[in-house]
Protein backbone atom coordinates (compact mmCIF):
# COMPACT_ATOMS: atom_id res chain seq x y z
CA UNK A 1 11.25 -15.61 12.34
CA UNK A 2 7.91 -13.47 12.65
CA UNK A 3 5.19 -14.68 10.14
CA UNK A 4 2.98 -12.22 8.32
CA UNK A 5 -0.81 -12.24 9.10
CA UNK A 6 -3.12 -11.72 6.66
CA UNK A 7 -5.52 -8.40 7.42
CA UNK A 8 -7.56 -6.77 4.77
CA UNK A 9 -7.61 -3.20 5.78
CA UNK A 10 -8.91 0.18 4.34
CA UNK A 11 -7.01 1.58 1.53
CA UNK A 12 -6.54 4.80 3.42
CA UNK A 13 -4.35 2.68 6.22
CA UNK A 14 -2.02 1.65 3.52
CA UNK A 15 1.00 3.62 2.53
CA UNK A 16 0.91 5.72 -0.89
CA UNK A 17 2.81 3.99 -3.73
CA UNK A 18 4.69 4.67 -6.55
CA UNK A 19 4.15 2.29 -10.01
CA UNK A 20 7.75 1.69 -8.86
CA UNK A 21 7.35 0.57 -5.67
CA UNK A 22 4.41 -1.05 -6.18
CA UNK A 23 6.10 -3.39 -9.07
CA UNK A 24 8.88 -4.13 -6.90
CA UNK A 25 6.36 -5.27 -4.13
CA UNK A 26 4.34 -7.18 -6.37
CA UNK A 27 7.50 -9.07 -7.38
CA UNK A 28 8.41 -9.77 -4.12
CA UNK A 29 5.40 -10.81 -3.25
CA UNK A 30 5.34 -13.74 -5.84
CA UNK A 31 8.82 -14.67 -5.01
CA UNK A 32 7.60 -15.05 -0.95
CA UNK A 33 4.22 -14.09 0.78
CA UNK A 34 5.68 -14.73 3.80
CA UNK A 35 8.79 -12.58 3.84
CA UNK A 36 11.30 -12.96 6.95
CA UNK A 37 11.98 -9.82 9.16
CA UNK A 38 15.36 -9.61 7.30
CA UNK A 39 13.65 -9.97 4.11
CA UNK A 40 11.33 -7.14 5.32
CA UNK A 41 14.23 -4.45 5.82
CA UNK A 42 15.55 -5.61 2.22
CA UNK A 43 12.79 -4.80 0.70
CA UNK A 44 11.92 -1.49 2.86
CA UNK A 45 15.28 -0.46 1.39
CA UNK A 46 14.50 -1.27 -2.22
CA UNK A 47 11.46 0.34 -2.36
CA UNK A 48 11.99 3.38 -0.33
CA UNK A 49 9.38 2.99 2.28
CA UNK A 50 9.54 1.97 6.07
CA UNK A 51 9.65 -1.57 7.30
CA UNK A 52 6.18 -0.70 9.00
CA UNK A 53 4.73 0.21 5.51
CA UNK A 54 6.13 -2.85 4.05
CA UNK A 55 4.62 -5.14 6.53
CA UNK A 56 1.17 -3.36 6.03
CA UNK A 57 1.35 -3.95 2.51
CA UNK A 58 2.33 -7.35 2.64
CA UNK A 59 -0.57 -8.30 5.37
CA UNK A 60 -2.87 -6.31 2.84
CA UNK A 61 -1.60 -8.01 -0.44
CA UNK A 62 -1.69 -11.46 1.48
CA UNK A 63 -5.35 -11.14 2.42
CA UNK A 64 -6.34 -10.14 -0.96
CA UNK A 65 -4.57 -13.18 -2.35
CA UNK A 66 -6.46 -15.13 0.02
CA UNK A 67 -9.26 -13.94 -1.00
CA UNK A 68 -8.77 -14.70 -4.56
CA UNK A 69 -7.85 -18.37 -3.16
CA UNK A 70 -11.44 -18.74 -2.11
CA UNK A 71 -10.23 -18.66 1.62
CA UNK A 72 -10.71 -16.41 4.42
CA UNK A 73 -9.07 -12.91 3.99
CA UNK A 74 -8.31 -12.40 7.78
CA UNK A 75 -6.81 -15.54 8.79
CA UNK A 76 -3.10 -16.63 9.79
CA UNK A 77 0.22 -16.90 7.50
CA UNK A 78 0.28 -18.68 4.56
CA UNK A 79 3.42 -20.73 3.42
CA UNK A 80 4.21 -21.79 0.07
């Protein structure tokens, strides 16, 4: 299972999202900050984005979460 690496990136590199897509991604992030490859495929299908776009979003979201927790943004994976 590949893990998500936290990388804070400029917003112009992130996919453009609709409100429904963002809500679904945030819900998935709350449930699991480090989804498996299979989970990524399922999430991508649910939100109508490519797997790569979902992976980029999760990497950036994980980096922002790490900052909120007082941790370095760009670091390895985080497990619950």
